[in-house]
Structures are given as C-alpha cells and as structure tokens.
Amino acid sequence: MEGLKDFKDMLARLECRNRRWRIGLVCAEDESSRMAVEWALQRKFVNVVFIGGTEIVLADKRFDRYRSHISVVRAESRDEAACTAVRMAREGTVDILMKGLINTDNLLRAVLNKEHGLLCKGAVMTHVALARMPSYHKMLFFTDSAVIPYPNREQRVEQVRTIVRICRQTGISRPKVALVHCTEKVNGKIFPLTEDYVEVIRMAKEGAFGDCVVDGPMDVKSACSADAMRIKNIKSPINGDADALVMPDIEAGNCFYKTITLFSQADTAGVLAGTKVPVVLPSRGDDAMSKFFSLALAAWCCYGEE
C-alpha cells in the first residue's frame, strides 16, 4: 500500500472502502463533535450511535437526512453514558469511541476499569497524533501528548511498538522513529531517560518492532531536517526524514502539539491506542476539523486491524 499523502488522501481512500465504522459518541452536546460526525456521515465512512445528550441530537435538524445511519441511546448522567459506551465497545456494538462534552476523567475512568474497561491485557495505553504541516514534506506521527506523563522504560517500548504499528497501517513499510530530546548525547546523570533510549534502540536493531529504524536522542529539528543533521554533524539512519517522533514526556509532547497547530497551521488527528477499540479523545481546544480527522484516523486504524 502506498503511504498516505495527507488527510484528503486518507478520506478519499476511506470512502473507497465502501464500509461504515460504528462511532459511539459520548455526550454529544457540543457543536464541534456533532459537526465532525456530520462531516463523517457525509463522507459515508461512519454510522453514529449518540450515547447521552440525545435530546440535543434529536432536535438537530441536520441529522434528519441521516436517520438510517444514526441511533440514540439515552443516559441519565455522563458517567452512565461513559459506562454504556464502554460496554457497547466491549460487546462489539461500536467500533470506535469518541469523547463529546464529557470530562476526560469521567470517560477514562470507564475505559480503564479493571473488570469492565477497554484496556487490552498487557497493553500500555498511549496517545498517538498525526499531523500534516505545510513546512514538512510528509505526514508526521508523534506520541505522547495526552496520556502518559513521564514514560518509564516499559511504557517507552510500548510507545515505539504502537507508533510503528500505526505507521505501517498508513502504508509506511519501514518507519523511521526518532526518540526526541534536547540533547544528542546519552547522559544518564543529567538526562536519565536517555539511557532508556539506548535499550529501545538495541531492541529495534534486534527486530523487536519488526522492520523499522529507531534512533536518538535527537531534537525535533534534527529528526525532520537533513540540513540540520549535516550542520550539527549528526550521523543517523533517520537522516532528517522521520516518520514518527517519540516525545520524552507529556510536557514536551503537549507543547509540540499546541505549537504546530497555532504557529504552523497543522492539520492534526489523534487517537488512544492500546485499547480494544480506538478512542478519539480530543483536547478542549481542538476544532471540528481536527475531531473529523481524528475520526478518519480511528477508522483507518480499525481497517488496518481487519
């Protein structure tokens, strides 16, 4: 499969699948979430189950034309809506969950419930984002800007494993993954996590993640610019052509996410991985287009698992 060029390409290919994935939208009171699923309905790659907030949905005349592709499930509270959505995902009634006007904590409490939640056995839940920036020549994945505050070595390994898998699902046969930091040298005394990078790179070379290139530490500019690597005399198989960035912690990841959307006019999408179904967990600052692209990425991840 040829790699995706941009979100327009992703949407066009989803339409060609002639398949509708079932979205469970939890608490659809916010306009941007309803707009995102309306666009997805227009592009014919989803059916939508509105879980909670049903009075607003039923009163929204925009959905009249899609009545055969939507359904509503009433809930007395946001917590009930979250639990109902998770149960439907476990039972296979919906393929994707999406957060609407509900606190992230409320939804994640249901997702992470040890008995009735969605966390895959032995998996690490992480947030994977995809960006298309005018200043970069291809789409760029990065993790984690929303879930894991300070990844330990085990979590770092799973972040790499997850992002490599999702890269392959989008047609990148040999993903180049950069382990990001403010330094290019391993220094366990000042920057302890750079020692974890050494272990992750060793595992990658031994084939733990399949066919991929993993290298670091390096800064974002070096990871994404061959000129920067040349000027700094950095020798790396990434060669300034990274497909994915693994951020050192949530602080760096979140700052990067907000910076590229504000100053680079980046189109972005994001999903939670490591769960039984993809979960679209948008930031409060994400607009309807970002949520729409996140639905497309989630549907693409579902397709890649088939």
Protein backbone atom coordinates (compact mmCIF):
# COMPACT_ATOMS: atom_id res chain seq x y z
CA MET A 1 0.00 0.00 0.00
CA GLU A 2 1.26 3.46 -0.92
CA GLY A 3 1.75 5.78 2.04
CA LEU A 4 -0.83 8.45 2.79
CA LYS A 5 -0.05 11.92 1.44
CA ASP A 6 -2.41 13.93 3.63
CA PHE A 7 -5.83 13.80 5.27
CA LYS A 8 -7.58 14.43 1.95
CA ASP A 9 -5.93 11.26 0.66
CA MET A 10 -6.96 9.36 3.80
CA LEU A 11 -10.61 10.44 3.42
CA ALA A 12 -10.70 9.52 -0.26
CA ARG A 13 -9.37 6.04 0.46
CA LEU A 14 -11.81 5.53 3.33
CA GLU A 15 -14.70 6.34 1.00
CA CYS A 16 -13.40 3.76 -1.47
CA ARG A 17 -13.58 1.05 1.21
CA ASN A 18 -17.38 1.16 0.97
CA ARG A 19 -17.51 0.44 4.69
CA ARG A 20 -19.07 2.30 7.59
CA TRP A 21 -17.47 2.06 11.02
CA ARG A 22 -19.74 2.47 14.02
CA ILE A 23 -18.90 5.52 16.16
CA GLY A 24 -20.08 5.73 19.76
CA LEU A 25 -20.15 9.47 20.52
CA VAL A 26 -20.38 10.05 24.27
CA CYS A 27 -22.37 13.14 25.33
CA ALA A 28 -22.92 14.93 22.04
CA GLU A 29 -23.95 18.30 23.49
CA ASP A 30 -21.02 20.18 21.94
CA GLU A 31 -21.37 21.64 18.47
CA SER A 32 -17.88 20.72 17.24
CA SER A 33 -18.33 16.98 17.91
CA ARG A 34 -21.71 16.93 16.18
CA MET A 35 -20.22 18.81 13.24
CA ALA A 36 -17.34 16.32 12.99
CA VAL A 37 -19.63 13.30 12.87
CA GLU A 38 -21.93 15.10 10.42
CA TRP A 39 -18.97 15.52 8.04
CA ALA A 40 -18.05 11.85 8.54
CA LEU A 41 -21.63 10.87 7.70
CA GLN A 42 -21.43 12.99 4.56
CA ARG A 43 -18.26 11.14 3.53
CA LYS A 44 -20.07 7.82 4.15
CA PHE A 45 -17.49 6.06 6.31
CA VAL A 46 -19.40 6.01 9.62
CA ASN A 47 -22.64 5.16 11.33
CA VAL A 48 -23.13 7.02 14.61
CA VAL A 49 -24.55 5.98 17.96
CA PHE A 50 -25.19 9.04 20.12
CA ILE A 51 -24.84 8.00 23.75
CA GLY A 52 -26.15 10.69 26.08
CA GLY A 53 -27.08 14.21 25.03
CA THR A 54 -29.81 12.66 22.92
CA GLU A 55 -32.34 15.50 23.27
CA ILE A 56 -29.97 17.89 21.51
CA VAL A 57 -29.25 15.35 18.77
CA LEU A 58 -32.91 14.63 18.14
CA ALA A 59 -33.61 18.35 17.90
CA ASP A 60 -30.76 18.93 15.46
CA LYS A 61 -32.40 19.04 12.02
CA ARG A 62 -29.07 18.49 10.26
CA PHE A 63 -29.26 14.82 11.15
CA ASP A 64 -32.73 14.23 9.67
CA ARG A 65 -31.24 13.14 6.36
CA TYR A 66 -29.02 10.57 8.11
CA ARG A 67 -31.66 8.90 10.29
CA SER A 68 -30.95 5.49 8.74
CA HIS A 69 -27.30 5.81 9.78
CA ILE A 70 -27.71 7.09 13.34
CA SER A 71 -29.22 5.84 16.56
CA VAL A 72 -29.52 7.24 20.08
CA VAL A 73 -29.00 5.68 23.49
CA ARG A 74 -30.28 7.65 26.45
CA ALA A 75 -28.26 8.07 29.63
CA GLU A 76 -29.21 9.71 32.91
CA SER A 77 -25.72 11.06 33.59
CA ARG A 78 -22.33 11.49 31.96
CA ASP A 79 -20.91 8.61 34.00
CA GLU A 80 -23.74 6.36 32.80
CA ALA A 81 -23.09 7.46 29.23
CA ALA A 82 -19.39 6.61 29.57
CA CYS A 83 -20.07 3.18 31.08
CA THR A 84 -22.69 2.43 28.43
CA ALA A 85 -20.32 3.42 25.63
CA VAL A 86 -17.52 1.24 27.00
CA ARG A 87 -19.87 -1.70 27.41
CA MET A 88 -21.04 -1.33 23.79
CA ALA A 89 -17.43 -1.27 22.64
CA ARG A 90 -16.66 -4.43 24.63
CA GLU A 91 -19.70 -6.15 23.14
CA GLY A 92 -18.75 -5.13 19.60
CA THR A 93 -21.75 -2.84 19.10
CA VAL A 94 -19.48 0.09 18.24
CA ASP A 95 -16.04 0.10 16.60
CA ILE A 96 -14.77 3.47 17.83
CA LEU A 97 -15.45 5.67 20.85
CA MET A 98 -15.40 9.44 20.72
CA LYS A 99 -15.44 11.93 23.58
CA GLY A 100 -18.03 14.69 23.35
CA LEU A 101 -18.97 17.10 26.14
CA ILE A 102 -17.73 14.92 28.98
CA ASN A 103 -14.70 15.36 31.21
CA THR A 104 -11.77 13.24 30.12
CA ASP A 105 -11.50 11.80 33.65
CA ASN A 106 -15.08 10.53 33.52
CA LEU A 107 -14.57 8.75 30.22
CA LEU A 108 -11.15 7.35 31.09
CA ARG A 109 -12.45 6.02 34.40
CA ALA A 110 -14.81 3.78 32.42
CA VAL A 111 -12.20 2.93 29.77
CA LEU A 112 -9.63 1.90 32.41
CA ASN A 113 -12.00 -0.03 34.68
CA LYS A 114 -10.13 -3.26 35.52
CA GLU A 115 -13.18 -5.50 35.18
CA HIS A 116 -15.30 -3.80 32.55
CA GLY A 117 -12.94 -1.44 30.73
CA LEU A 118 -11.24 -1.45 27.33
CA LEU A 119 -7.56 -1.75 28.14
CA CYS A 120 -6.06 -4.72 26.30
CA LYS A 121 -4.36 -7.27 28.53
CA GLY A 122 -0.70 -6.40 28.98
CA ALA A 123 -1.05 -3.28 26.82
CA VAL A 124 0.01 0.27 27.57
CA MET A 125 -2.48 2.97 26.64
CA THR A 126 -0.87 5.87 24.81
CA HIS A 127 -2.00 8.79 22.67
CA VAL A 128 -0.86 8.84 19.06
CA ALA A 129 -1.24 12.01 17.00
CA LEU A 130 -0.82 12.55 13.26
CA ALA A 131 0.00 15.94 11.75
CA ARG A 132 0.23 17.39 8.26
CA MET A 133 2.24 20.61 8.23
CA PRO A 134 2.87 22.80 5.18
CA SER A 135 6.55 23.02 6.16
CA TYR A 136 7.18 19.24 6.23
CA HIS A 137 7.19 17.02 3.19
CA LYS A 138 5.02 14.23 4.60
CA MET A 139 2.67 13.32 7.41
CA LEU A 140 4.25 13.04 10.84
CA PHE A 141 3.19 10.88 13.79
CA PHE A 142 4.08 11.66 17.39
CA THR A 143 3.43 10.31 20.87
CA ASP A 144 2.51 11.08 23.68
CA SER A 145 0.86 14.47 24.18
CA ALA A 146 -2.10 13.49 26.33
CA VAL A 147 -1.88 10.32 28.44
CA ILE A 148 1.45 9.14 29.89
CA PRO A 149 3.07 11.91 31.98
CA TYR A 150 6.63 10.54 32.29
CA PRO A 151 7.05 7.22 30.45
CA ASN A 152 9.19 4.57 32.09
CA ARG A 153 11.22 2.14 30.00
CA GLU A 154 8.41 -0.39 29.59
CA GLN A 155 5.99 2.33 28.52
CA ARG A 156 8.56 3.77 26.12
CA VAL A 157 8.98 0.38 24.48
CA GLU A 158 5.23 0.08 24.01
CA GLN A 159 5.00 3.62 22.65
CA VAL A 160 7.51 2.69 19.97
CA ARG A 161 5.77 -0.60 19.25
CA THR A 162 2.41 1.16 18.91
CA ILE A 163 3.56 4.00 16.70
CA VAL A 164 5.45 1.63 14.40
CA ARG A 165 2.30 -0.47 14.01
CA ILE A 166 0.14 2.54 13.18
CA CYS A 167 2.75 3.86 10.75
CA ARG A 168 2.59 0.55 8.89
CA GLN A 169 -1.21 0.73 8.81
CA THR A 170 -0.89 4.01 6.90
CA GLY A 171 1.43 2.48 4.32
CA ILE A 172 4.88 3.25 5.76
CA SER A 173 6.68 -0.04 5.23
CA ARG A 174 9.85 0.86 7.19
CA PRO A 175 9.02 3.63 9.66
CA LYS A 176 11.76 5.96 10.83
CA VAL A 177 11.16 6.72 14.51
CA ALA A 178 13.13 9.44 16.29
CA LEU A 179 13.50 9.40 20.08
CA VAL A 180 13.29 13.08 20.87
CA HIS A 181 15.27 15.00 23.49
CA CYS A 182 17.10 18.32 23.87
CA THR A 183 20.44 16.55 23.56
CA GLU A 184 22.09 14.22 21.04
CA LYS A 185 24.24 12.52 23.65
CA VAL A 186 23.33 9.86 26.16
CA ASN A 187 23.85 11.29 29.65
CA GLY A 188 22.40 9.18 32.44
CA LYS A 189 23.42 11.63 35.16
CA ILE A 190 21.69 14.73 33.77
CA PHE A 191 19.10 13.13 31.47
CA PRO A 192 18.37 9.65 32.87
CA LEU A 193 15.78 8.69 30.29
CA THR A 194 18.38 8.87 27.51
CA GLU A 195 19.69 5.58 28.90
CA ASP A 196 16.27 4.08 28.20
CA TYR A 197 16.68 5.22 24.60
CA VAL A 198 19.79 3.06 24.31
CA GLU A 199 17.80 -0.02 25.29
CA VAL A 200 14.94 0.81 22.93
CA ILE A 201 17.37 1.26 20.03
CA ARG A 202 19.03 -2.06 20.86
CA MET A 203 15.64 -3.80 20.82
CA ALA A 204 14.80 -2.22 17.47
CA LYS A 205 18.06 -3.42 15.92
CA GLU A 206 17.32 -6.93 17.19
CA GLY A 207 13.92 -6.87 15.46
CA ALA A 208 11.61 -6.38 18.45
CA PHE A 209 9.42 -3.97 16.46
CA GLY A 210 9.77 -5.50 13.03
CA ASP A 211 11.26 -3.65 10.08
CA CYS A 212 11.85 -0.09 11.26
CA VAL A 213 14.56 2.42 12.11
CA VAL A 214 14.72 3.77 15.66
CA ASP A 215 17.39 6.28 16.71
CA GLY A 216 18.09 9.03 19.20
CA PRO A 217 18.33 11.01 21.27
CA MET A 218 17.89 13.94 18.90
CA ASP A 219 15.92 17.17 18.77
CA VAL A 220 12.87 17.67 16.57
CA LYS A 221 14.73 19.85 14.05
CA SER A 222 17.41 17.23 13.52
CA ALA A 223 14.82 14.47 13.25
CA CYS A 224 12.98 16.34 10.50
CA SER A 225 15.76 18.18 8.66
CA ALA A 226 18.68 16.61 6.83
CA ASP A 227 20.32 20.04 6.70
CA ALA A 228 20.17 20.34 10.48
CA MET A 229 21.75 16.90 10.84
CA ARG A 230 24.52 17.85 8.42
CA ILE A 231 25.25 21.16 10.13
CA LYS A 232 25.36 19.51 13.57
CA ASN A 233 27.39 16.60 12.14
CA ILE A 234 24.89 14.02 13.40
CA LYS A 235 25.18 10.60 11.80
CA SER A 236 21.85 8.79 11.97
CA PRO A 237 19.78 6.46 9.77
CA ILE A 238 16.84 8.82 10.42
CA ASN A 239 18.66 11.31 8.15
CA GLY A 240 16.26 14.17 8.88
CA ASP A 241 13.36 12.17 7.41
CA ALA A 242 11.43 11.00 10.49
CA ASP A 243 8.01 9.41 10.09
CA ALA A 244 7.36 9.49 13.82
CA LEU A 245 8.57 11.26 16.94
CA VAL A 246 8.54 9.72 20.41
CA MET A 247 8.49 12.59 22.88
CA PRO A 248 10.39 12.38 26.18
CA ASP A 249 7.32 13.23 28.26
CA ILE A 250 3.82 14.69 28.14
CA GLU A 251 5.12 18.22 28.69
CA ALA A 252 7.20 18.16 25.52
CA GLY A 253 4.51 16.31 23.57
CA ASN A 254 1.71 18.66 24.55
CA CYS A 255 3.78 21.78 23.87
CA PHE A 256 4.71 20.40 20.44
CA TYR A 257 1.07 19.62 19.64
CA LYS A 258 -0.18 23.08 20.61
CA THR A 259 2.73 24.84 18.89
CA ILE A 260 2.31 23.23 15.47
CA THR A 261 -1.45 23.84 15.44
CA LEU A 262 -1.07 27.51 16.39
CA PHE A 263 2.05 28.58 14.50
CA SER A 264 2.27 26.04 11.65
CA GLN A 265 -1.44 25.73 10.82
CA ALA A 266 -1.03 21.98 11.09
CA ASP A 267 -3.92 19.65 10.41
CA THR A 268 -3.97 17.12 13.23
CA ALA A 269 -5.68 13.95 14.37
CA GLY A 270 -5.29 11.87 17.50
CA VAL A 271 -6.41 8.55 18.97
CA LEU A 272 -5.85 6.49 22.07
CA ALA A 273 -4.14 3.19 21.27
CA GLY A 274 -3.70 0.12 23.47
CA THR A 275 -7.46 -0.17 23.96
CA LYS A 276 -9.81 -2.76 22.47
CA VAL A 277 -11.17 -0.10 20.12
CA PRO A 278 -9.65 3.25 19.12
CA VAL A 279 -10.78 6.13 21.33
CA VAL A 280 -10.96 9.67 19.97
CA LEU A 281 -10.11 11.87 22.95
CA PRO A 282 -9.89 15.44 21.63
CA SER A 283 -8.47 18.37 23.54
CA ARG A 284 -10.85 21.12 24.62
CA GLY A 285 -9.03 23.39 22.17
CA ASP A 286 -9.47 21.09 19.15
CA ASP A 287 -11.84 22.35 16.47
CA ALA A 288 -14.39 20.36 14.49
CA MET A 289 -11.94 19.69 11.65
CA SER A 290 -9.38 18.14 13.99
CA LYS A 291 -12.09 15.94 15.50
CA PHE A 292 -13.21 14.96 11.99
CA PHE A 293 -9.68 13.98 11.02
CA SER A 294 -9.35 12.04 14.29
CA LEU A 295 -12.44 10.03 13.36
CA ALA A 296 -10.83 9.29 9.99
CA LEU A 297 -7.60 8.16 11.66
CA ALA A 298 -9.54 5.95 14.08
CA ALA A 299 -11.45 4.37 11.19
CA TRP A 300 -8.16 3.83 9.37
CA CYS A 301 -6.74 2.08 12.45
CA CYS A 302 -9.83 -0.16 12.51
CA TYR A 303 -9.32 -1.01 8.86
CA GLY A 304 -5.69 -1.85 9.49
CA GLU A 305 -6.70 -4.38 12.16
CA GLU A 306 -9.02 -6.29 9.79
